[in-house]
Amino acid sequence: MTTESETTEKNEYPKATNGVIFGTLVSFAGFITLLMAFCSPYWIESYEESQSSFKNMGLWEYCFKNFVYPYYQFPKFFHGCHNVFSHEYYVIREYLVPGWLISVQFFVTIAFVLTMISMAILSLVIVRWPLKAVLQYEWIFIKTAFICIAISSVFMFLGVVIFGSCAYRRDWLMYPKFNVLSWSYALAVVSFIVLGLGGLILHRESKNAFEIRGEAKNLVMQMEMQEPGFQQSRHHHSQSVSRSLQGYI
């Protein structure tokens, strides 16, 4: 009976608003597109008809077919798909990962980490765990998630702009006219748009949660008053007061 009553009392506390749930779903969609863009090696690829030695690349992987780097003193063919930090690409790593691409990797990586953090925070808000902390500081939880999502959207925008403006530089991949931005880059563009939309929704919900924070504090006080420890401490305090008064009578 006690368990059922406690469950009933918990169900009476306010659940996450529809706006928070919708903002979380939108942000999660942005996170999925960001994850696919982050991991997939198709930010740019060559036209199949061109028969180019360069095939495709992503932030962390390059694919070649019998590619010969003209400025390497020894004859060596680079073939297959390998990570940019692999031993296979050690001798041409500076050519494959110029400074502007490192900045793109940095922005996208930070956006990926911040989005994961925001998803964890929003999950706690939705499941209401820990209950007291969420009820009392819900606006802080949502505000923190909003800040993470907003920064992720801005960083993804910067990464997309830098990559799009530098992808056809002649000092990077050879024969840039044979290359085209591919679907991984398109997903990166979609991710910063969706994350921006999710951030706007969460910003509105954080303002609403801030306005009703007083009601949440009252609920937390009621929860603490219903706990057995609170009653015992109060009873003990009343007994100590009565004993001290008896000393003066």
Protein backbone atom coordinates (compact mmCIF):
# COMPACT_ATOMS: atom_id res chain seq x y z
CA MET A 1 0.00 0.00 0.00
CA THR A 2 2.83 2.40 0.79
CA THR A 3 4.47 1.81 -2.57
CA GLU A 4 1.22 2.45 -4.42
CA SER A 5 0.60 5.68 -2.52
CA GLU A 6 4.14 6.90 -3.18
CA THR A 7 3.72 6.09 -6.87
CA THR A 8 0.45 7.99 -6.94
CA GLU A 9 2.04 11.00 -5.27
CA LYS A 10 4.91 10.99 -7.75
CA ASN A 11 2.49 10.82 -10.66
CA GLU A 12 0.83 13.98 -9.35
CA TYR A 13 3.98 16.04 -9.89
CA PRO A 14 4.14 17.94 -13.21
CA LYS A 15 5.63 16.08 -16.12
CA ALA A 16 7.84 17.62 -18.76
CA THR A 17 5.91 20.01 -20.97
CA ASN A 18 5.04 19.20 -24.57
CA GLY A 19 7.36 22.01 -25.63
CA VAL A 20 10.33 20.40 -23.87
CA ILE A 21 9.53 17.02 -25.41
CA PHE A 22 9.13 18.53 -28.88
CA GLY A 23 12.36 20.52 -28.51
CA THR A 24 14.15 17.37 -27.39
CA LEU A 25 12.87 15.41 -30.41
CA VAL A 26 13.95 18.16 -32.80
CA SER A 27 17.37 18.39 -31.15
CA PHE A 28 17.69 14.60 -31.28
CA ALA A 29 16.97 14.67 -35.02
CA GLY A 30 19.74 17.25 -35.37
CA PHE A 31 22.04 15.04 -33.31
CA ILE A 32 21.39 12.03 -35.58
CA THR A 33 22.19 14.01 -38.73
CA LEU A 34 25.30 15.42 -37.03
CA LEU A 35 26.40 11.91 -36.02
CA MET A 36 26.03 10.64 -39.59
CA ALA A 37 27.95 13.61 -40.99
CA PHE A 38 30.60 13.22 -38.30
CA CYS A 39 31.27 9.54 -39.07
CA SER A 40 30.59 9.13 -42.80
CA PRO A 41 33.36 9.64 -45.39
CA TYR A 42 31.33 11.46 -48.07
CA TRP A 43 31.80 15.16 -47.45
CA ILE A 44 33.24 15.41 -50.96
CA GLU A 45 33.68 12.84 -53.72
CA SER A 46 34.84 12.68 -57.32
CA TYR A 47 32.58 12.15 -60.31
CA GLU A 48 32.54 8.49 -61.20
CA GLU A 49 33.05 9.31 -64.89
CA SER A 50 36.26 11.20 -64.18
CA GLN A 51 38.20 8.03 -63.21
CA SER A 52 40.07 10.14 -60.66
CA SER A 53 42.52 8.55 -58.24
CA PHE A 54 40.70 10.38 -55.46
CA LYS A 55 37.37 8.76 -54.63
CA ASN A 56 35.85 10.34 -51.52
CA MET A 57 36.68 11.72 -48.08
CA GLY A 58 35.16 12.64 -44.76
CA LEU A 59 36.47 14.41 -41.71
CA TRP A 60 38.43 11.36 -40.61
CA GLU A 61 38.85 9.14 -43.68
CA TYR A 62 40.18 9.33 -47.25
CA CYS A 63 39.62 6.87 -50.07
CA PHE A 64 42.02 6.64 -53.02
CA LYS A 65 42.62 4.33 -55.96
CA ASN A 66 46.28 4.13 -56.94
CA PHE A 67 46.93 7.73 -55.92
CA VAL A 68 50.48 9.04 -56.29
CA TYR A 69 51.44 12.13 -54.34
CA PRO A 70 53.63 14.13 -56.76
CA TYR A 71 55.75 15.78 -54.05
CA TYR A 72 56.73 12.55 -52.31
CA GLN A 73 60.27 11.53 -53.28
CA PHE A 74 59.61 7.77 -53.36
CA PRO A 75 57.14 6.06 -55.71
CA LYS A 76 54.23 4.95 -53.58
CA PHE A 77 50.61 4.15 -54.45
CA PHE A 78 47.92 5.02 -51.95
CA HIS A 79 44.98 2.70 -52.33
CA GLY A 80 41.82 2.01 -50.33
CA CYS A 81 40.11 3.81 -47.46
CA HIS A 82 42.11 4.70 -44.37
CA ASN A 83 41.84 6.97 -41.36
CA VAL A 84 43.69 10.27 -41.71
CA PHE A 85 45.76 9.39 -38.63
CA SER A 86 46.67 5.90 -39.86
CA HIS A 87 50.21 4.84 -40.65
CA GLU A 88 49.26 4.52 -44.33
CA TYR A 89 48.80 8.27 -44.67
CA TYR A 90 51.65 9.29 -42.39
CA VAL A 91 53.84 10.70 -45.17
CA ILE A 92 51.07 12.81 -46.73
CA ARG A 93 49.11 13.75 -43.59
CA GLU A 94 49.99 17.44 -43.85
CA TYR A 95 48.66 17.43 -47.40
CA LEU A 96 45.45 15.61 -46.46
CA VAL A 97 44.70 17.62 -43.32
CA PRO A 98 45.48 21.31 -43.93
CA GLY A 99 44.88 23.94 -41.29
CA TRP A 100 41.39 24.87 -42.47
CA LEU A 101 40.28 21.22 -42.33
CA ILE A 102 41.62 20.93 -38.78
CA SER A 103 39.39 23.86 -37.83
CA VAL A 104 36.40 22.09 -39.41
CA GLN A 105 37.22 18.93 -37.44
CA PHE A 106 37.47 20.99 -34.26
CA PHE A 107 34.13 22.75 -34.73
CA VAL A 108 32.25 19.59 -35.66
CA THR A 109 33.78 17.59 -32.81
CA ILE A 110 32.89 20.22 -30.19
CA ALA A 111 29.37 20.42 -31.63
CA PHE A 112 29.06 16.64 -31.42
CA VAL A 113 30.19 16.53 -27.77
CA LEU A 114 27.95 19.43 -26.71
CA THR A 115 24.95 17.89 -28.43
CA MET A 116 25.51 14.61 -26.59
CA ILE A 117 25.68 16.49 -23.29
CA SER A 118 22.44 18.32 -24.07
CA MET A 119 20.71 15.04 -24.94
CA ALA A 120 21.73 13.59 -21.57
CA ILE A 121 20.44 16.68 -19.72
CA LEU A 122 17.12 16.68 -21.58
CA SER A 123 16.68 12.98 -20.90
CA LEU A 124 16.91 13.69 -17.15
CA VAL A 125 14.32 16.45 -17.50
CA ILE A 126 11.89 14.20 -19.36
CA VAL A 127 12.18 11.20 -17.02
CA ARG A 128 12.20 13.57 -14.01
CA TRP A 129 15.29 12.06 -12.38
CA PRO A 130 16.43 12.99 -9.84
CA LEU A 131 12.94 14.26 -9.10
CA LYS A 132 13.75 16.96 -6.54
CA ALA A 133 16.62 18.41 -8.52
CA VAL A 134 14.62 18.49 -11.75
CA LEU A 135 11.60 20.11 -10.11
CA GLN A 136 13.67 22.75 -8.36
CA TYR A 137 16.20 23.51 -11.10
CA GLU A 138 14.34 22.54 -14.27
CA TRP A 139 14.89 25.94 -15.87
CA ILE A 140 18.65 25.61 -15.29
CA PHE A 141 18.66 22.14 -16.87
CA ILE A 142 16.77 23.37 -19.93
CA LYS A 143 18.85 26.57 -20.14
CA THR A 144 22.07 24.54 -20.08
CA ALA A 145 20.76 22.23 -22.81
CA PHE A 146 19.74 25.27 -24.87
CA ILE A 147 23.21 26.80 -24.57
CA CYS A 148 24.84 23.53 -25.66
CA ILE A 149 22.49 23.18 -28.63
CA ALA A 150 22.94 26.82 -29.65
CA ILE A 151 26.74 26.57 -29.57
CA SER A 152 26.56 23.30 -31.53
CA SER A 153 24.43 24.94 -34.21
CA VAL A 154 26.84 27.88 -34.52
CA PHE A 155 29.88 25.60 -34.65
CA MET A 156 28.27 23.40 -37.30
CA PHE A 157 27.50 26.51 -39.33
CA LEU A 158 31.14 27.59 -39.10
CA GLY A 159 32.33 24.11 -40.08
CA VAL A 160 30.00 23.97 -43.08
CA VAL A 161 30.98 27.45 -44.28
CA ILE A 162 34.72 26.82 -43.94
CA PHE A 163 34.56 23.44 -45.67
CA GLY A 164 32.33 24.70 -48.49
CA SER A 165 34.57 27.69 -49.17
CA CYS A 166 37.84 25.71 -49.11
CA ALA A 167 36.83 22.37 -50.65
CA TYR A 168 37.86 23.43 -54.18
CA ARG A 169 41.23 24.92 -53.35
CA ARG A 170 43.93 23.86 -55.81
CA ASP A 171 46.51 23.39 -53.05
CA TRP A 172 44.43 20.58 -51.52
CA LEU A 173 42.91 17.80 -53.65
CA MET A 174 44.14 17.50 -57.21
CA TYR A 175 41.75 18.29 -60.08
CA PRO A 176 39.09 19.95 -57.92
CA LYS A 177 36.77 20.42 -60.91
CA PHE A 178 36.19 16.67 -60.88
CA ASN A 179 34.89 16.74 -57.31
CA VAL A 180 31.49 17.56 -55.84
CA LEU A 181 30.17 18.10 -52.31
CA SER A 182 28.35 14.93 -51.26
CA TRP A 183 25.60 13.75 -48.92
CA SER A 184 27.64 13.86 -45.70
CA TYR A 185 28.15 17.58 -46.24
CA ALA A 186 24.42 17.96 -46.93
CA LEU A 187 23.67 16.24 -43.60
CA ALA A 188 26.01 18.66 -41.86
CA VAL A 189 24.03 21.56 -43.36
CA VAL A 190 20.75 19.99 -42.23
CA SER A 191 22.13 19.38 -38.73
CA PHE A 192 22.96 23.03 -37.99
CA ILE A 193 19.53 24.11 -39.25
CA VAL A 194 17.67 21.51 -37.16
CA LEU A 195 19.82 22.17 -34.10
CA GLY A 196 19.11 25.88 -34.44
CA LEU A 197 15.38 25.17 -34.52
CA GLY A 198 15.67 22.91 -31.47
CA GLY A 199 17.63 25.63 -29.66
CA LEU A 200 14.90 28.19 -30.28
CA ILE A 201 12.27 25.85 -28.84
CA LEU A 202 14.37 25.09 -25.77
CA HIS A 203 15.07 28.79 -25.23
CA ARG A 204 11.35 29.48 -25.06
CA GLU A 205 10.80 26.54 -22.70
CA SER A 206 13.62 27.66 -20.40
CA LYS A 207 11.95 31.07 -20.06
CA ASN A 208 8.63 29.41 -19.24
CA ALA A 209 10.27 27.14 -16.67
CA PHE A 210 11.98 30.15 -15.09
CA GLU A 211 8.64 31.93 -14.69
CA ILE A 212 7.01 28.99 -12.85
CA ARG A 213 10.04 28.04 -10.74
CA GLY A 214 8.25 29.21 -7.57
CA GLU A 215 5.59 26.53 -7.92
CA ALA A 216 8.28 23.88 -8.33
CA LYS A 217 10.02 25.05 -5.13
CA ASN A 218 6.75 24.73 -3.24
CA LEU A 219 6.37 21.16 -4.49
CA VAL A 220 9.89 20.33 -3.35
CA MET A 221 9.14 21.74 0.12
CA GLN A 222 5.99 19.62 0.31
CA MET A 223 8.00 16.54 -0.65
CA GLU A 224 10.53 17.24 2.10
CA MET A 225 7.79 17.77 4.67
CA GLN A 226 6.26 14.38 3.76
CA GLU A 227 9.54 12.55 4.35
CA PRO A 228 9.80 10.62 7.68
CA GLY A 229 13.16 12.17 8.46
CA PHE A 230 11.67 15.64 8.31
CA GLN A 231 8.95 14.71 10.84
CA GLN A 232 11.45 13.11 13.20
CA SER A 233 13.78 16.06 13.12
CA ARG A 234 10.89 18.40 13.74
CA HIS A 235 9.66 16.22 16.67
CA HIS A 236 13.18 16.09 18.09
CA HIS A 237 13.44 19.86 17.79
CA SER A 238 10.14 20.39 19.63
CA GLN A 239 11.28 18.01 22.41
CA SER A 240 14.56 19.86 22.83
CA VAL A 241 12.73 23.19 23.00
CA SER A 242 10.32 21.86 25.64
CA ARG A 243 13.20 20.48 27.72
CA SER A 244 15.01 23.81 27.60
CA LEU A 245 11.86 25.60 28.69
CA GLN A 246 11.42 23.15 31.59
CA GLY A 247 14.79 24.19 32.90
CA TYR A 248 13.53 27.73 33.42
CA ILE A 249 10.23 26.73 35.11
